[in-house]
Amino acid sequence: IAKDNLTLLEAISQCGDLTITGERNNVLVMRKDGNKRRAYRVDLTQAHNVYASPAYQLKQDDVIYVRPNEKRQRQSTPVDNVWQSPSTYLSITSVMVSVAVLISNLVKK
């Protein structure tokens, strides 16, 4: 970081902005306040909320966390992701055809 006084928006821009999957309305800034940690939620979609937030002006050791949106979270879980793949349906279909051919051959004998 090149300067001492950094804002939340400057920090996000220096990191390359948020991806399309980031939740802009629920950015978490965690700040160490003595022995305690304080959490600030900032809605980046509302300008007045951003500038009015105590977390707008960052302090040393602040941590910024941007949650992925629900669609991205579902895509990253193995169970939901498996059913989105065409190869899953192709595999199921080929197994069903193989079983049908096997049963057909056994019945003919």
N, C-alpha and C. Protein backbone atom coordinates (compact mmCIF):
# COMPACT_ATOMS: atom_id res chain seq x y z
N ILE A 1 0.85 -1.17 0.00
CA ILE A 1 0.00 0.00 0.00
C ILE A 1 0.89 1.23 0.00
N ALA A 2 0.63 2.11 -0.91
CA ALA A 2 1.53 3.24 -1.14
C ALA A 2 1.29 4.44 -0.24
N LYS A 3 0.13 4.50 0.40
CA LYS A 3 -0.13 5.69 1.22
C LYS A 3 -0.71 5.31 2.57
N ASP A 4 -0.63 6.27 3.51
CA ASP A 4 -1.07 5.99 4.88
C ASP A 4 -2.59 6.06 5.03
N ASN A 5 -3.21 7.04 4.42
CA ASN A 5 -4.66 7.21 4.54
C ASN A 5 -5.34 6.53 3.37
N LEU A 6 -5.93 5.39 3.63
CA LEU A 6 -6.55 4.61 2.57
C LEU A 6 -8.03 4.43 2.89
N THR A 7 -8.87 4.63 1.90
CA THR A 7 -10.30 4.42 2.10
C THR A 7 -10.68 3.02 1.65
N LEU A 8 -11.86 2.62 2.03
CA LEU A 8 -12.37 1.30 1.65
C LEU A 8 -12.42 1.16 0.13
N LEU A 9 -12.91 2.17 -0.54
CA LEU A 9 -13.02 2.11 -2.01
C LEU A 9 -11.65 2.06 -2.68
N GLU A 10 -10.68 2.79 -2.14
CA GLU A 10 -9.33 2.76 -2.70
C GLU A 10 -8.70 1.38 -2.52
N ALA A 11 -8.93 0.77 -1.36
CA ALA A 11 -8.37 -0.56 -1.11
C ALA A 11 -8.97 -1.59 -2.07
N ILE A 12 -10.26 -1.51 -2.28
CA ILE A 12 -10.92 -2.44 -3.21
C ILE A 12 -10.41 -2.22 -4.63
N SER A 13 -10.23 -0.97 -5.02
CA SER A 13 -9.75 -0.71 -6.38
C SER A 13 -8.30 -1.15 -6.56
N GLN A 14 -7.49 -1.03 -5.53
CA GLN A 14 -6.10 -1.48 -5.62
C GLN A 14 -6.00 -3.00 -5.74
N CYS A 15 -7.02 -3.68 -5.26
CA CYS A 15 -7.04 -5.15 -5.36
C CYS A 15 -7.65 -5.61 -6.68
N GLY A 16 -8.01 -4.69 -7.54
CA GLY A 16 -8.55 -5.07 -8.83
C GLY A 16 -10.07 -5.08 -8.89
N ASP A 17 -10.72 -4.37 -7.99
CA ASP A 17 -12.18 -4.27 -7.94
C ASP A 17 -12.79 -5.59 -7.47
N LEU A 18 -14.10 -5.61 -7.37
CA LEU A 18 -14.82 -6.81 -6.98
C LEU A 18 -15.21 -7.58 -8.24
N THR A 19 -15.25 -8.89 -8.14
CA THR A 19 -15.71 -9.68 -9.27
C THR A 19 -17.23 -9.61 -9.33
N ILE A 20 -17.79 -10.11 -10.40
CA ILE A 20 -19.24 -10.08 -10.59
C ILE A 20 -19.94 -10.94 -9.53
N THR A 21 -19.21 -11.86 -8.92
CA THR A 21 -19.81 -12.76 -7.94
C THR A 21 -19.74 -12.23 -6.52
N GLY A 22 -19.14 -11.07 -6.30
CA GLY A 22 -19.03 -10.52 -4.95
C GLY A 22 -20.30 -9.80 -4.53
N GLU A 23 -20.69 -9.97 -3.28
CA GLU A 23 -21.87 -9.28 -2.73
C GLU A 23 -21.49 -7.85 -2.36
N ARG A 24 -21.91 -6.93 -3.16
CA ARG A 24 -21.57 -5.52 -2.94
C ARG A 24 -22.38 -4.89 -1.82
N ASN A 25 -23.49 -5.48 -1.49
CA ASN A 25 -24.35 -4.89 -0.45
C ASN A 25 -24.04 -5.41 0.94
N ASN A 26 -22.99 -6.21 1.09
CA ASN A 26 -22.70 -6.79 2.40
C ASN A 26 -21.19 -6.99 2.58
N VAL A 27 -20.43 -5.92 2.44
CA VAL A 27 -18.98 -6.00 2.59
C VAL A 27 -18.65 -5.90 4.07
N LEU A 28 -17.81 -6.79 4.54
CA LEU A 28 -17.45 -6.84 5.95
C LEU A 28 -16.05 -6.26 6.14
N VAL A 29 -15.95 -5.32 7.06
CA VAL A 29 -14.65 -4.77 7.45
C VAL A 29 -14.46 -5.11 8.92
N MET A 30 -13.41 -5.87 9.21
CA MET A 30 -13.11 -6.25 10.60
C MET A 30 -11.95 -5.39 11.09
N ARG A 31 -12.16 -4.81 12.25
CA ARG A 31 -11.18 -3.87 12.80
C ARG A 31 -10.83 -4.27 14.22
N LYS A 32 -9.54 -4.26 14.50
CA LYS A 32 -9.07 -4.53 15.86
C LYS A 32 -9.18 -3.24 16.65
N ASP A 33 -9.92 -3.31 17.74
CA ASP A 33 -10.16 -2.14 18.58
C ASP A 33 -9.68 -2.50 19.99
N GLY A 34 -8.41 -2.26 20.26
CA GLY A 34 -7.83 -2.70 21.53
C GLY A 34 -7.68 -4.21 21.51
N ASN A 35 -8.30 -4.89 22.48
CA ASN A 35 -8.27 -6.35 22.52
C ASN A 35 -9.48 -6.98 21.83
N LYS A 36 -10.37 -6.14 21.35
CA LYS A 36 -11.59 -6.65 20.72
C LYS A 36 -11.53 -6.48 19.21
N ARG A 37 -12.35 -7.26 18.54
CA ARG A 37 -12.54 -7.12 17.10
C ARG A 37 -13.94 -6.57 16.85
N ARG A 38 -14.02 -5.55 16.04
CA ARG A 38 -15.32 -4.99 15.67
C ARG A 38 -15.57 -5.30 14.21
N ALA A 39 -16.82 -5.56 13.90
CA ALA A 39 -17.20 -5.85 12.52
C ALA A 39 -18.13 -4.75 12.02
N TYR A 40 -17.83 -4.24 10.86
CA TYR A 40 -18.66 -3.22 10.21
C TYR A 40 -19.15 -3.79 8.89
N ARG A 41 -20.43 -3.65 8.63
CA ARG A 41 -21.01 -4.07 7.36
C ARG A 41 -21.26 -2.81 6.53
N VAL A 42 -20.81 -2.85 5.29
CA VAL A 42 -20.93 -1.69 4.42
C VAL A 42 -21.65 -2.11 3.14
N ASP A 43 -22.66 -1.33 2.77
CA ASP A 43 -23.40 -1.54 1.53
C ASP A 43 -22.81 -0.62 0.47
N LEU A 44 -22.05 -1.20 -0.45
CA LEU A 44 -21.39 -0.40 -1.48
C LEU A 44 -22.35 0.09 -2.56
N THR A 45 -23.57 -0.41 -2.55
CA THR A 45 -24.54 0.01 -3.57
C THR A 45 -25.22 1.32 -3.19
N GLN A 46 -25.04 1.77 -1.96
CA GLN A 46 -25.63 3.03 -1.49
C GLN A 46 -24.51 3.97 -1.07
N ALA A 47 -24.27 5.00 -1.87
CA ALA A 47 -23.14 5.91 -1.63
C ALA A 47 -23.18 6.54 -0.24
N HIS A 48 -24.36 6.95 0.22
CA HIS A 48 -24.43 7.60 1.53
C HIS A 48 -24.04 6.63 2.65
N ASN A 49 -24.30 5.34 2.48
CA ASN A 49 -23.89 4.35 3.48
C ASN A 49 -22.38 4.17 3.50
N VAL A 50 -21.77 4.21 2.33
CA VAL A 50 -20.32 4.01 2.24
C VAL A 50 -19.59 5.13 2.95
N TYR A 51 -19.92 6.36 2.60
CA TYR A 51 -19.19 7.50 3.15
C TYR A 51 -19.51 7.75 4.62
N ALA A 52 -20.68 7.35 5.08
CA ALA A 52 -21.06 7.55 6.48
C ALA A 52 -20.52 6.45 7.39
N SER A 53 -20.06 5.37 6.82
CA SER A 53 -19.59 4.24 7.63
C SER A 53 -18.30 4.57 8.36
N PRO A 54 -18.18 4.13 9.62
CA PRO A 54 -16.92 4.33 10.34
C PRO A 54 -15.78 3.52 9.73
N ALA A 55 -16.11 2.55 8.89
CA ALA A 55 -15.09 1.71 8.26
C ALA A 55 -14.63 2.28 6.92
N TYR A 56 -15.19 3.42 6.50
CA TYR A 56 -14.80 4.00 5.21
C TYR A 56 -13.31 4.34 5.21
N GLN A 57 -12.86 4.99 6.26
CA GLN A 57 -11.43 5.30 6.38
C GLN A 57 -10.78 4.11 7.06
N LEU A 58 -9.94 3.39 6.35
CA LEU A 58 -9.34 2.18 6.89
C LEU A 58 -8.23 2.52 7.87
N LYS A 59 -8.02 1.60 8.79
CA LYS A 59 -6.94 1.71 9.76
C LYS A 59 -6.01 0.52 9.58
N GLN A 60 -4.86 0.61 10.20
CA GLN A 60 -3.90 -0.48 10.10
C GLN A 60 -4.51 -1.77 10.64
N ASP A 61 -4.25 -2.87 9.97
CA ASP A 61 -4.71 -4.22 10.34
C ASP A 61 -6.19 -4.45 10.08
N ASP A 62 -6.87 -3.55 9.39
CA ASP A 62 -8.26 -3.81 9.00
C ASP A 62 -8.28 -4.95 7.98
N VAL A 63 -9.31 -5.76 8.05
CA VAL A 63 -9.48 -6.86 7.11
C VAL A 63 -10.80 -6.63 6.37
N ILE A 64 -10.75 -6.71 5.05
CA ILE A 64 -11.95 -6.54 4.23
C ILE A 64 -12.32 -7.90 3.66
N TYR A 65 -13.59 -8.28 3.86
CA TYR A 65 -14.07 -9.57 3.34
C TYR A 65 -15.33 -9.33 2.52
N VAL A 66 -15.31 -9.83 1.30
CA VAL A 66 -16.47 -9.73 0.41
C VAL A 66 -16.98 -11.14 0.15
N ARG A 67 -18.19 -11.40 0.63
CA ARG A 67 -18.79 -12.72 0.44
C ARG A 67 -19.16 -12.94 -1.02
N PRO A 68 -19.04 -14.19 -1.48
CA PRO A 68 -19.56 -14.48 -2.82
C PRO A 68 -21.08 -14.52 -2.77
N ASN A 69 -21.72 -14.19 -3.88
CA ASN A 69 -23.18 -14.23 -3.89
C ASN A 69 -23.67 -15.68 -3.84
N GLU A 70 -24.97 -15.86 -3.64
CA GLU A 70 -25.52 -17.20 -3.43
C GLU A 70 -25.29 -18.12 -4.62
N LYS A 71 -25.41 -17.60 -5.82
CA LYS A 71 -25.20 -18.44 -7.00
C LYS A 71 -23.78 -18.99 -7.02
N ARG A 72 -22.81 -18.15 -6.72
CA ARG A 72 -21.41 -18.58 -6.71
C ARG A 72 -21.17 -19.59 -5.58
N GLN A 73 -21.80 -19.40 -4.44
CA GLN A 73 -21.65 -20.35 -3.34
C GLN A 73 -22.18 -21.72 -3.73
N ARG A 74 -23.33 -21.74 -4.41
CA ARG A 74 -23.89 -23.02 -4.84
C ARG A 74 -23.00 -23.70 -5.86
N GLN A 75 -22.40 -22.93 -6.75
CA GLN A 75 -21.54 -23.51 -7.77
C GLN A 75 -20.27 -24.08 -7.18
N SER A 76 -19.85 -23.58 -6.05
CA SER A 76 -18.60 -24.06 -5.46
C SER A 76 -18.79 -25.29 -4.58
N THR A 77 -20.04 -25.66 -4.30
CA THR A 77 -20.27 -26.87 -3.51
C THR A 77 -20.30 -28.07 -4.43
N PRO A 78 -19.67 -29.17 -4.02
CA PRO A 78 -19.59 -30.34 -4.90
C PRO A 78 -20.94 -30.92 -5.29
N VAL A 79 -21.91 -30.94 -4.39
CA VAL A 79 -23.19 -31.57 -4.68
C VAL A 79 -23.94 -30.82 -5.76
N ASP A 80 -24.07 -29.52 -5.62
CA ASP A 80 -24.80 -28.74 -6.62
C ASP A 80 -24.04 -28.64 -7.93
N ASN A 81 -22.74 -28.60 -7.85
CA ASN A 81 -21.92 -28.45 -9.05
C ASN A 81 -21.99 -29.69 -9.93
N VAL A 82 -22.09 -30.87 -9.33
CA VAL A 82 -22.14 -32.13 -10.08
C VAL A 82 -23.35 -32.15 -11.01
N TRP A 83 -24.49 -31.69 -10.54
CA TRP A 83 -25.72 -31.75 -11.33
C TRP A 83 -25.77 -30.69 -12.42
N GLN A 84 -24.84 -29.77 -12.43
CA GLN A 84 -24.81 -28.76 -13.48
C GLN A 84 -23.95 -29.20 -14.65
N SER A 85 -23.26 -30.31 -14.51
CA SER A 85 -22.35 -30.77 -15.56
C SER A 85 -23.08 -31.68 -16.54
N PRO A 86 -22.96 -31.44 -17.83
CA PRO A 86 -23.59 -32.32 -18.82
C PRO A 86 -23.03 -33.74 -18.78
N SER A 87 -21.78 -33.89 -18.37
CA SER A 87 -21.19 -35.23 -18.33
C SER A 87 -21.90 -36.12 -17.31
N THR A 88 -22.45 -35.54 -16.27
CA THR A 88 -23.21 -36.33 -15.29
C THR A 88 -24.42 -36.96 -15.95
N TYR A 89 -25.16 -36.18 -16.70
CA TYR A 89 -26.36 -36.70 -17.38
C TYR A 89 -25.98 -37.71 -18.46
N LEU A 90 -24.88 -37.47 -19.16
CA LEU A 90 -24.42 -38.41 -20.18
C LEU A 90 -24.03 -39.74 -19.55
N SER A 91 -23.37 -39.70 -18.42
CA SER A 91 -22.97 -40.93 -17.72
C SER A 91 -24.19 -41.71 -17.25
N ILE A 92 -25.16 -41.03 -16.68
CA ILE A 92 -26.38 -41.70 -16.21
C ILE A 92 -27.11 -42.34 -17.38
N THR A 93 -27.21 -41.63 -18.49
CA THR A 93 -27.88 -42.16 -19.68
C THR A 93 -27.16 -43.39 -20.22
N SER A 94 -25.84 -43.35 -20.29
CA SER A 94 -25.09 -44.49 -20.83
C SER A 94 -25.20 -45.71 -19.92
N VAL A 95 -25.25 -45.51 -18.62
CA VAL A 95 -25.44 -46.64 -17.69
C VAL A 95 -26.82 -47.24 -17.89
N MET A 96 -27.83 -46.41 -18.04
CA MET A 96 -29.19 -46.92 -18.23
C MET A 96 -29.30 -47.71 -19.54
N VAL A 97 -28.68 -47.22 -20.62
CA VAL A 97 -28.69 -47.93 -21.90
C VAL A 97 -27.96 -49.25 -21.77
N SER A 98 -26.82 -49.27 -21.09
CA SER A 98 -26.05 -50.50 -20.91
C SER A 98 -26.85 -51.54 -20.13
N VAL A 99 -27.53 -51.12 -19.08
CA VAL A 99 -28.36 -52.04 -18.29
C VAL A 99 -29.51 -52.56 -19.14
N ALA A 100 -30.13 -51.71 -19.93
CA ALA A 100 -31.24 -52.13 -20.80
C ALA A 100 -30.77 -53.15 -21.83
N VAL A 101 -29.61 -52.94 -22.44
CA VAL A 101 -29.07 -53.88 -23.42
C VAL A 101 -28.73 -55.20 -22.74
N LEU A 102 -28.16 -55.16 -21.56
CA LEU A 102 -27.82 -56.38 -20.82
C LEU A 102 -29.07 -57.18 -20.50
N ILE A 103 -30.10 -56.53 -20.02
CA ILE A 103 -31.36 -57.21 -19.70
C ILE A 103 -31.98 -57.78 -20.97
N SER A 104 -31.93 -57.03 -22.05
CA SER A 104 -32.48 -57.50 -23.33
C SER A 104 -31.75 -58.75 -23.81
N ASN A 105 -30.44 -58.77 -23.69
CA ASN A 105 -29.65 -59.94 -24.11
C ASN A 105 -29.93 -61.15 -23.22
N LEU A 106 -30.11 -60.93 -21.93
CA LEU A 106 -30.39 -62.04 -21.01
C LEU A 106 -31.78 -62.62 -21.27
N VAL A 107 -32.74 -61.79 -21.60
CA VAL A 107 -34.11 -62.25 -21.86
C VAL A 107 -34.17 -63.07 -23.16
N LYS A 108 -33.39 -62.72 -24.17
CA LYS A 108 -33.38 -63.43 -25.46
C LYS A 108 -32.80 -64.83 -25.34
N LYS A 109 -31.94 -65.08 -24.37
CA LYS A 109 -31.30 -66.39 -24.23
C LYS A 109 -32.18 -67.36 -23.60
